[in-house]
Structures are given as structure tokens and as C-alpha cells.
């Protein structure tokens, strides 16, 4: 997954209605679709990176986006405000104005969960890490509707600080998706030694979805 963000956006003191900006985006998207399809078909998404950066920045310069393999369609286009409440009106308007999904494209206004995170392998430095080996301690606060978690993986002790942080949060986003993780996880800690009474990522997903419902 590769995320893009426009660099050093110019400040925009008074932005138009998010719905107007969203409609402009989708008009530009339709115009660009043949070029996007050609770049993806050639496995060269970088060819359209700058144009898409400008298109997304037209909705709001602090938004991020990614082009991904879809779950229901061939491709997914994801626009994320990274759960910044200031950006929620813009991502909501963007999603509301999106065209119907089809066999080629699906659209997400937050990073979606991976269908099965235990099948995911990531590279952190020299380490090839299987998320199936991630274990989590989950403490549920039912009154508040949130969960505190400690995340463990056997290689955590061998990683530098940045990689440890990545391996702490990445499995949670993969299992829960950006929005559910932000809504239901309160405290997130790294456990270099495996604690007692741990569960896997799929069990964590079930626990938190049940709590949310």
C-alpha cells in the first residue's frame, strides 16, 4: 500500500461547501479515468500520482489517498482524513457524492480492514513479518464501549523504535480498519514479551465488532 499526500499545501482560509468540492472531484475523476486505467494496467500508478494529488487536494489539502486492490472490485480508491474530525465533513461529502461501485472500482472514505489479516506478511527492515503471529491482550471497558490493547509479536524486541511502533499499530488497522480502530481502541501499548491470555487478530476483530454492535 502506498499513500500519497500533496506536499506543503497552500493555506486555504475559506473553503467552499464540501459538497461542491466533492462534486468537482468526481467530475475530474471521470475525466481522468482512462488515464488512471492505463497507468494501472501498465503497473505504473506513479504516472497519475501528481494529477490525483491535485484532485484530492482540491477537496482538502490535508487528505491522504491510496490506490489499492479492491475487496469487492478490482481496484479501490481510498481517501482518508486519518480520523481528524476537521476533515470528516470533507470525506463524508466525498463518499456521498461517489458514483455507484462496479466491478472495476470501489470507494472508501477510511482505510478498510483486510479481509483476513492473518494472511498478511509485511517487511520491516530485514524482517519479514507474518501478522498471523501477532498476539493481543484486550481489556474491555463495556461502560465506555472501548478496548485497551497490548500488541505482541516475537520479533518486536529486535526492532528499532519506529519499526516497533509500526508493528504495534499496523496489525490493528489491518484487522479493524481505520475508523473502527479509532472509535473503539482507547489505549494501545507494545508488549515485547508475550503476556498471558492473548488472542489473535481475528478474535480481536470479533470482540470489537460485537462491542460496537
C-alpha atoms as a PDB file:
ATOM      1  CA  UNK A   1       0.000   0.000   0.000  1.00  0.00           C
ATOM      2  CA  UNK A   2       1.410   3.375  -0.970  1.00  0.00           C
ATOM      3  CA  UNK A   3      -0.007   6.584   0.459  1.00  0.00           C
ATOM      4  CA  UNK A   4       0.320   9.939  -1.272  1.00  0.00           C
ATOM      5  CA  UNK A   5      -0.059  13.410   0.076  1.00  0.00           C
ATOM      6  CA  UNK A   6       0.370  16.758  -1.563  1.00  0.00           C
ATOM      7  CA  UNK A   7       3.495  18.480  -0.268  1.00  0.00           C
ATOM      8  CA  UNK A   8       3.352  21.789   1.543  1.00  0.00           C
ATOM      9  CA  UNK A   9      -0.198  22.751   0.598  1.00  0.00           C
ATOM     10  CA  UNK A  10      -1.040  26.417   0.351  1.00  0.00           C
ATOM     11  CA  UNK A  11      -3.296  27.610   3.163  1.00  0.00           C
ATOM     12  CA  UNK A  12      -6.927  27.996   2.171  1.00  0.00           C
ATOM     13  CA  UNK A  13      -8.708  30.241   4.680  1.00  0.00           C
ATOM     14  CA  UNK A  14     -12.261  29.970   3.313  1.00  0.00           C
ATOM     15  CA  UNK A  15     -13.127  26.731   1.565  1.00  0.00           C
ATOM     16  CA  UNK A  16     -16.357  26.265  -0.399  1.00  0.00           C
ATOM     17  CA  UNK A  17     -19.060  23.871   0.694  1.00  0.00           C
ATOM     18  CA  UNK A  18     -17.567  20.335   0.952  1.00  0.00           C
ATOM     19  CA  UNK A  19     -20.372  19.053  -1.283  1.00  0.00           C
ATOM     20  CA  UNK A  20     -19.322  21.426  -4.060  1.00  0.00           C
ATOM     21  CA  UNK A  21     -15.686  20.369  -3.706  1.00  0.00           C
ATOM     22  CA  UNK A  22     -16.688  16.702  -3.758  1.00  0.00           C
ATOM     23  CA  UNK A  23     -18.679  17.157  -6.965  1.00  0.00           C
ATOM     24  CA  UNK A  24     -15.669  18.856  -8.567  1.00  0.00           C
ATOM     25  CA  UNK A  25     -13.512  15.918  -7.548  1.00  0.00           C
ATOM     26  CA  UNK A  26     -15.801  13.341  -9.128  1.00  0.00           C
ATOM     27  CA  UNK A  27     -16.056  15.346 -12.356  1.00  0.00           C
ATOM     28  CA  UNK A  28     -12.255  15.393 -12.514  1.00  0.00           C
ATOM     29  CA  UNK A  29     -12.120  11.692 -11.620  1.00  0.00           C
ATOM     30  CA  UNK A  30     -14.387  10.767 -14.526  1.00  0.00           C
ATOM     31  CA  UNK A  31     -12.207  12.781 -16.904  1.00  0.00           C
ATOM     32  CA  UNK A  32      -9.063  11.067 -15.600  1.00  0.00           C
ATOM     33  CA  UNK A  33     -10.404   7.507 -15.532  1.00  0.00           C
ATOM     34  CA  UNK A  34      -8.990   6.433 -18.931  1.00  0.00           C
ATOM     35  CA  UNK A  35      -5.524   7.684 -17.934  1.00  0.00           C
ATOM     36  CA  UNK A  36      -5.768   6.060 -14.489  1.00  0.00           C
ATOM     37  CA  UNK A  37      -6.865   2.760 -16.018  1.00  0.00           C
ATOM     38  CA  UNK A  38      -3.971   2.826 -18.475  1.00  0.00           C
ATOM     39  CA  UNK A  39      -1.427   3.557 -15.716  1.00  0.00           C
ATOM     40  CA  UNK A  40      -2.753   0.750 -13.522  1.00  0.00           C
ATOM     41  CA  UNK A  41      -2.875  -1.625 -16.468  1.00  0.00           C
ATOM     42  CA  UNK A  42       0.809  -0.880 -17.085  1.00  0.00           C
ATOM     43  CA  UNK A  43       1.527  -1.240 -13.334  1.00  0.00           C
ATOM     44  CA  UNK A  44       2.766   2.346 -13.248  1.00  0.00           C
ATOM     45  CA  UNK A  45       0.448   4.185 -10.819  1.00  0.00           C
ATOM     46  CA  UNK A  46       3.114   6.843 -10.347  1.00  0.00           C
ATOM     47  CA  UNK A  47       2.201   8.210 -13.784  1.00  0.00           C
ATOM     48  CA  UNK A  48      -1.010   9.649 -12.370  1.00  0.00           C
ATOM     49  CA  UNK A  49       0.214  10.432  -8.853  1.00  0.00           C
ATOM     50  CA  UNK A  50       0.604  14.186  -9.334  1.00  0.00           C
ATOM     51  CA  UNK A  51      -2.768  14.636 -11.016  1.00  0.00           C
ATOM     52  CA  UNK A  52      -4.512  12.631  -8.288  1.00  0.00           C
ATOM     53  CA  UNK A  53      -2.682  14.595  -5.583  1.00  0.00           C
ATOM     54  CA  UNK A  54      -4.052  17.815  -7.046  1.00  0.00           C
ATOM     55  CA  UNK A  55      -7.520  16.332  -7.438  1.00  0.00           C
ATOM     56  CA  UNK A  56      -7.684  15.163  -3.804  1.00  0.00           C
ATOM     57  CA  UNK A  57      -6.129  18.406  -2.530  1.00  0.00           C
ATOM     58  CA  UNK A  58      -8.994  20.201  -4.247  1.00  0.00           C
ATOM     59  CA  UNK A  59     -11.314  18.608  -1.680  1.00  0.00           C
ATOM     60  CA  UNK A  60      -8.927  19.419   1.178  1.00  0.00           C
ATOM     61  CA  UNK A  61      -5.109  19.700   1.164  1.00  0.00           C
ATOM     62  CA  UNK A  62      -4.736  17.591   4.330  1.00  0.00           C
ATOM     63  CA  UNK A  63      -6.423  14.496   2.904  1.00  0.00           C
ATOM     64  CA  UNK A  64      -4.442  11.367   2.008  1.00  0.00           C
ATOM     65  CA  UNK A  65      -5.286   8.826  -0.653  1.00  0.00           C
ATOM     66  CA  UNK A  66      -4.243   5.446  -1.946  1.00  0.00           C
ATOM     67  CA  UNK A  67      -4.900   3.204  -4.925  1.00  0.00           C
ATOM     68  CA  UNK A  68      -5.376  -0.381  -3.780  1.00  0.00           C
ATOM     69  CA  UNK A  69      -6.560  -3.800  -4.811  1.00  0.00           C
ATOM     70  CA  UNK A  70     -10.256  -3.946  -4.065  1.00  0.00           C
ATOM     71  CA  UNK A  71     -12.204  -6.409  -1.966  1.00  0.00           C
ATOM     72  CA  UNK A  72     -15.436  -6.286  -3.986  1.00  0.00           C
ATOM     73  CA  UNK A  73     -13.983  -4.800  -7.178  1.00  0.00           C
ATOM     74  CA  UNK A  74     -10.649  -4.975  -8.980  1.00  0.00           C
ATOM     75  CA  UNK A  75      -9.437  -1.628  -7.608  1.00  0.00           C
ATOM     76  CA  UNK A  76     -10.199   0.514  -4.561  1.00  0.00           C
ATOM     77  CA  UNK A  77      -9.686   4.254  -4.221  1.00  0.00           C
ATOM     78  CA  UNK A  78      -9.293   5.298  -0.590  1.00  0.00           C
ATOM     79  CA  UNK A  79      -9.434   8.872   0.691  1.00  0.00           C
ATOM     80  CA  UNK A  80      -8.600   9.316   4.365  1.00  0.00           C
ATOM     81  CA  UNK A  81      -8.604  12.165   6.827  1.00  0.00           C
ATOM     82  CA  UNK A  82      -6.818   9.842   9.274  1.00  0.00           C
ATOM     83  CA  UNK A  83      -9.748  10.323  11.678  1.00  0.00           C
ATOM     84  CA  UNK A  84      -9.116  14.065  12.033  1.00  0.00           C
ATOM     85  CA  UNK A  85     -12.551  15.470  12.977  1.00  0.00           C
ATOM     86  CA  UNK A  86     -11.822  18.656  10.982  1.00  0.00           C
ATOM     87  CA  UNK A  87     -11.729  16.584   7.804  1.00  0.00           C
ATOM     88  CA  UNK A  88     -14.777  14.396   8.418  1.00  0.00           C
ATOM     89  CA  UNK A  89     -17.210  16.760   6.606  1.00  0.00           C
ATOM     90  CA  UNK A  90     -14.988  16.577   3.531  1.00  0.00           C
ATOM     91  CA  UNK A  91     -14.613  12.800   3.492  1.00  0.00           C
ATOM     92  CA  UNK A  92     -18.342  12.392   4.191  1.00  0.00           C
ATOM     93  CA  UNK A  93     -19.216  14.662   1.266  1.00  0.00           C
ATOM     94  CA  UNK A  94     -16.693  12.888  -0.960  1.00  0.00           C
ATOM     95  CA  UNK A  95     -18.194   9.481  -0.193  1.00  0.00           C
ATOM     96  CA  UNK A  96     -21.798  10.688  -0.515  1.00  0.00           C
ATOM     97  CA  UNK A  97     -21.084  12.065  -3.993  1.00  0.00           C
ATOM     98  CA  UNK A  98     -19.200   8.978  -5.193  1.00  0.00           C
ATOM     99  CA  UNK A  99     -20.593   7.103  -8.201  1.00  0.00           C
ATOM    100  CA  UNK A 100     -22.043   3.620  -7.674  1.00  0.00           C
ATOM    101  CA  UNK A 101     -19.404   0.943  -7.213  1.00  0.00           C
ATOM    102  CA  UNK A 102     -18.972  -1.511 -10.067  1.00  0.00           C
ATOM    103  CA  UNK A 103     -16.801  -4.488 -10.929  1.00  0.00           C
ATOM    104  CA  UNK A 104     -13.802  -2.208 -11.536  1.00  0.00           C
ATOM    105  CA  UNK A 105     -13.894   0.368  -8.703  1.00  0.00           C
ATOM    106  CA  UNK A 106     -14.915   0.569  -5.064  1.00  0.00           C
ATOM    107  CA  UNK A 107     -14.514   3.682  -2.903  1.00  0.00           C
ATOM    108  CA  UNK A 108     -13.643   4.122   0.784  1.00  0.00           C
ATOM    109  CA  UNK A 109     -13.554   7.225   2.990  1.00  0.00           C
ATOM    110  CA  UNK A 110     -11.311   5.480   5.543  1.00  0.00           C
ATOM    111  CA  UNK A 111      -8.756   2.693   5.294  1.00  0.00           C
ATOM    112  CA  UNK A 112     -10.804  -0.542   5.265  1.00  0.00           C
ATOM    113  CA  UNK A 113      -9.884  -3.708   7.156  1.00  0.00           C
ATOM    114  CA  UNK A 114      -8.057  -6.508   5.378  1.00  0.00           C
ATOM    115  CA  UNK A 115     -10.378  -9.483   4.744  1.00  0.00           C
ATOM    116  CA  UNK A 116      -8.011 -11.833   6.612  1.00  0.00           C
ATOM    117  CA  UNK A 117      -5.112 -10.069   8.365  1.00  0.00           C
ATOM    118  CA  UNK A 118      -3.573 -13.421   9.359  1.00  0.00           C
ATOM    119  CA  UNK A 119      -2.668 -13.959   5.701  1.00  0.00           C
ATOM    120  CA  UNK A 120      -0.742 -10.669   5.517  1.00  0.00           C
ATOM    121  CA  UNK A 121       3.066 -10.524   5.527  1.00  0.00           C
ATOM    122  CA  UNK A 122       4.899  -7.208   5.875  1.00  0.00           C
ATOM    123  CA  UNK A 123       8.540  -6.241   5.540  1.00  0.00           C
ATOM    124  CA  UNK A 124      10.103  -4.107   8.275  1.00  0.00           C
ATOM    125  CA  UNK A 125      13.791  -3.631   7.614  1.00  0.00           C
ATOM    126  CA  UNK A 126      15.371  -7.062   7.285  1.00  0.00           C
ATOM    127  CA  UNK A 127      12.408  -8.782   8.899  1.00  0.00           C
ATOM    128  CA  UNK A 128       9.596 -10.480   7.005  1.00  0.00           C
ATOM    129  CA  UNK A 129       6.737 -10.498   9.486  1.00  0.00           C
ATOM    130  CA  UNK A 130       3.609 -12.653   9.422  1.00  0.00           C
ATOM    131  CA  UNK A 131       0.656 -10.953  11.080  1.00  0.00           C
ATOM    132  CA  UNK A 132      -0.700 -14.397  11.953  1.00  0.00           C
ATOM    133  CA  UNK A 133       1.942 -14.400  14.717  1.00  0.00           C
ATOM    134  CA  UNK A 134       0.594 -11.214  16.317  1.00  0.00           C
ATOM    135  CA  UNK A 135      -0.981 -11.753  19.741  1.00  0.00           C
ATOM    136  CA  UNK A 136      -3.076  -9.189  21.579  1.00  0.00           C
ATOM    137  CA  UNK A 137      -4.193  -8.662  25.162  1.00  0.00           C
ATOM    138  CA  UNK A 138      -7.572  -6.925  25.153  1.00  0.00           C
ATOM    139  CA  UNK A 139      -9.184  -5.315  28.192  1.00  0.00           C
ATOM    140  CA  UNK A 140     -12.774  -4.289  27.513  1.00  0.00           C
ATOM    141  CA  UNK A 141     -14.410  -1.295  29.163  1.00  0.00           C
ATOM    142  CA  UNK A 142     -18.045  -2.105  28.365  1.00  0.00           C
ATOM    143  CA  UNK A 143     -19.380   1.004  30.060  1.00  0.00           C
ATOM    144  CA  UNK A 144     -17.277   3.242  27.825  1.00  0.00           C
ATOM    145  CA  UNK A 145     -17.565   0.952  24.805  1.00  0.00           C
ATOM    146  CA  UNK A 146     -13.792   0.895  24.252  1.00  0.00           C
ATOM    147  CA  UNK A 147     -10.909  -1.560  24.483  1.00  0.00           C
ATOM    148  CA  UNK A 148      -7.344  -1.189  25.761  1.00  0.00           C
ATOM    149  CA  UNK A 149      -4.852  -3.431  23.951  1.00  0.00           C
ATOM    150  CA  UNK A 150      -1.243  -4.566  24.198  1.00  0.00           C
ATOM    151  CA  UNK A 151       0.236  -5.941  20.979  1.00  0.00           C
ATOM    152  CA  UNK A 152       2.949  -8.613  20.868  1.00  0.00           C
ATOM    153  CA  UNK A 153       4.979 -10.198  18.084  1.00  0.00           C
ATOM    154  CA  UNK A 154       8.056 -12.429  18.596  1.00  0.00           C
ATOM    155  CA  UNK A 155      10.371 -10.049  16.701  1.00  0.00           C
ATOM    156  CA  UNK A 156       9.332  -6.849  18.485  1.00  0.00           C
ATOM    157  CA  UNK A 157      12.363  -6.882  20.772  1.00  0.00           C
ATOM    158  CA  UNK A 158      14.669  -6.931  17.730  1.00  0.00           C
ATOM    159  CA  UNK A 159      13.186  -3.827  16.086  1.00  0.00           C
ATOM    160  CA  UNK A 160      14.082  -0.169  16.443  1.00  0.00           C
ATOM    161  CA  UNK A 161      11.577   2.251  17.937  1.00  0.00           C
ATOM    162  CA  UNK A 162       9.965   3.304  14.640  1.00  0.00           C
ATOM    163  CA  UNK A 163       9.556  -0.299  13.468  1.00  0.00           C
ATOM    164  CA  UNK A 164       8.134  -1.343  16.864  1.00  0.00           C
ATOM    165  CA  UNK A 165       5.548   1.409  16.596  1.00  0.00           C
ATOM    166  CA  UNK A 166       4.660   0.336  13.067  1.00  0.00           C
ATOM    167  CA  UNK A 167       4.283  -3.295  14.118  1.00  0.00           C
ATOM    168  CA  UNK A 168       2.083  -2.231  17.013  1.00  0.00           C
ATOM    169  CA  UNK A 169      -0.431  -0.206  15.005  1.00  0.00           C
ATOM    170  CA  UNK A 170      -0.325  -1.810  11.563  1.00  0.00           C
ATOM    171  CA  UNK A 171      -1.930  -5.129  12.644  1.00  0.00           C
ATOM    172  CA  UNK A 172      -4.730  -3.257  14.401  1.00  0.00           C
ATOM    173  CA  UNK A 173      -5.552  -1.187  11.326  1.00  0.00           C
ATOM    174  CA  UNK A 174      -5.375  -4.308   9.170  1.00  0.00           C
ATOM    175  CA  UNK A 175      -7.773  -6.199  11.433  1.00  0.00           C
ATOM    176  CA  UNK A 176     -10.213  -3.407  12.275  1.00  0.00           C
ATOM    177  CA  UNK A 177      -9.875  -0.748   9.599  1.00  0.00           C
ATOM    178  CA  UNK A 178      -9.011   2.852  10.315  1.00  0.00           C
ATOM    179  CA  UNK A 179     -12.439   4.001  11.513  1.00  0.00           C
ATOM    180  CA  UNK A 180     -13.311   1.166  13.882  1.00  0.00           C
ATOM    181  CA  UNK A 181      -9.808   1.239  15.376  1.00  0.00           C
ATOM    182  CA  UNK A 182     -10.097   4.971  16.035  1.00  0.00           C
ATOM    183  CA  UNK A 183     -13.574   4.631  17.537  1.00  0.00           C
ATOM    184  CA  UNK A 184     -13.029   1.610  19.788  1.00  0.00           C
ATOM    185  CA  UNK A 185      -9.354   1.443  20.780  1.00  0.00           C
ATOM    186  CA  UNK A 186      -8.522   3.661  23.745  1.00  0.00           C
ATOM    187  CA  UNK A 187      -5.022   2.713  24.914  1.00  0.00           C
ATOM    188  CA  UNK A 188      -2.561   0.896  22.657  1.00  0.00           C
ATOM    189  CA  UNK A 189       0.697  -0.480  24.067  1.00  0.00           C
ATOM    190  CA  UNK A 190       3.595  -2.572  22.773  1.00  0.00           C
ATOM    191  CA  UNK A 191       4.388  -5.818  24.593  1.00  0.00           C
ATOM    192  CA  UNK A 192       7.892  -7.074  23.756  1.00  0.00           C
ATOM    193  CA  UNK A 193       7.393 -10.183  25.933  1.00  0.00           C
ATOM    194  CA  UNK A 194       4.260 -12.207  25.261  1.00  0.00           C
ATOM    195  CA  UNK A 195       1.703 -11.616  28.019  1.00  0.00           C
ATOM    196  CA  UNK A 196      -0.725 -14.227  29.301  1.00  0.00           C
ATOM    197  CA  UNK A 197      -4.252 -14.619  27.972  1.00  0.00           C
ATOM    198  CA  UNK A 198      -3.667 -13.294  24.465  1.00  0.00           C
ATOM    199  CA  UNK A 199      -5.931 -13.561  21.434  1.00  0.00           C
ATOM    200  CA  UNK A 200      -5.305 -13.358  17.686  1.00  0.00           C
ATOM    201  CA  UNK A 201      -6.286 -10.585  15.290  1.00  0.00           C
ATOM    202  CA  UNK A 202      -9.440 -12.310  14.060  1.00  0.00           C
ATOM    203  CA  UNK A 203     -10.609 -12.857  17.634  1.00  0.00           C
ATOM    204  CA  UNK A 204      -9.898  -9.198  18.379  1.00  0.00           C
ATOM    205  CA  UNK A 205     -11.943  -8.172  15.344  1.00  0.00           C
ATOM    206  CA  UNK A 206     -14.899 -10.258  16.509  1.00  0.00           C
ATOM    207  CA  UNK A 207     -14.660  -8.903  20.056  1.00  0.00           C
ATOM    208  CA  UNK A 208     -14.620  -5.261  18.947  1.00  0.00           C
ATOM    209  CA  UNK A 209     -17.314  -5.670  16.300  1.00  0.00           C
ATOM    210  CA  UNK A 210     -19.545  -7.301  18.899  1.00  0.00           C
ATOM    211  CA  UNK A 211     -18.838  -4.423  21.276  1.00  0.00           C
ATOM    212  CA  UNK A 212     -19.622  -1.869  18.558  1.00  0.00           C
ATOM    213  CA  UNK A 213     -22.911  -3.565  17.702  1.00  0.00           C
END
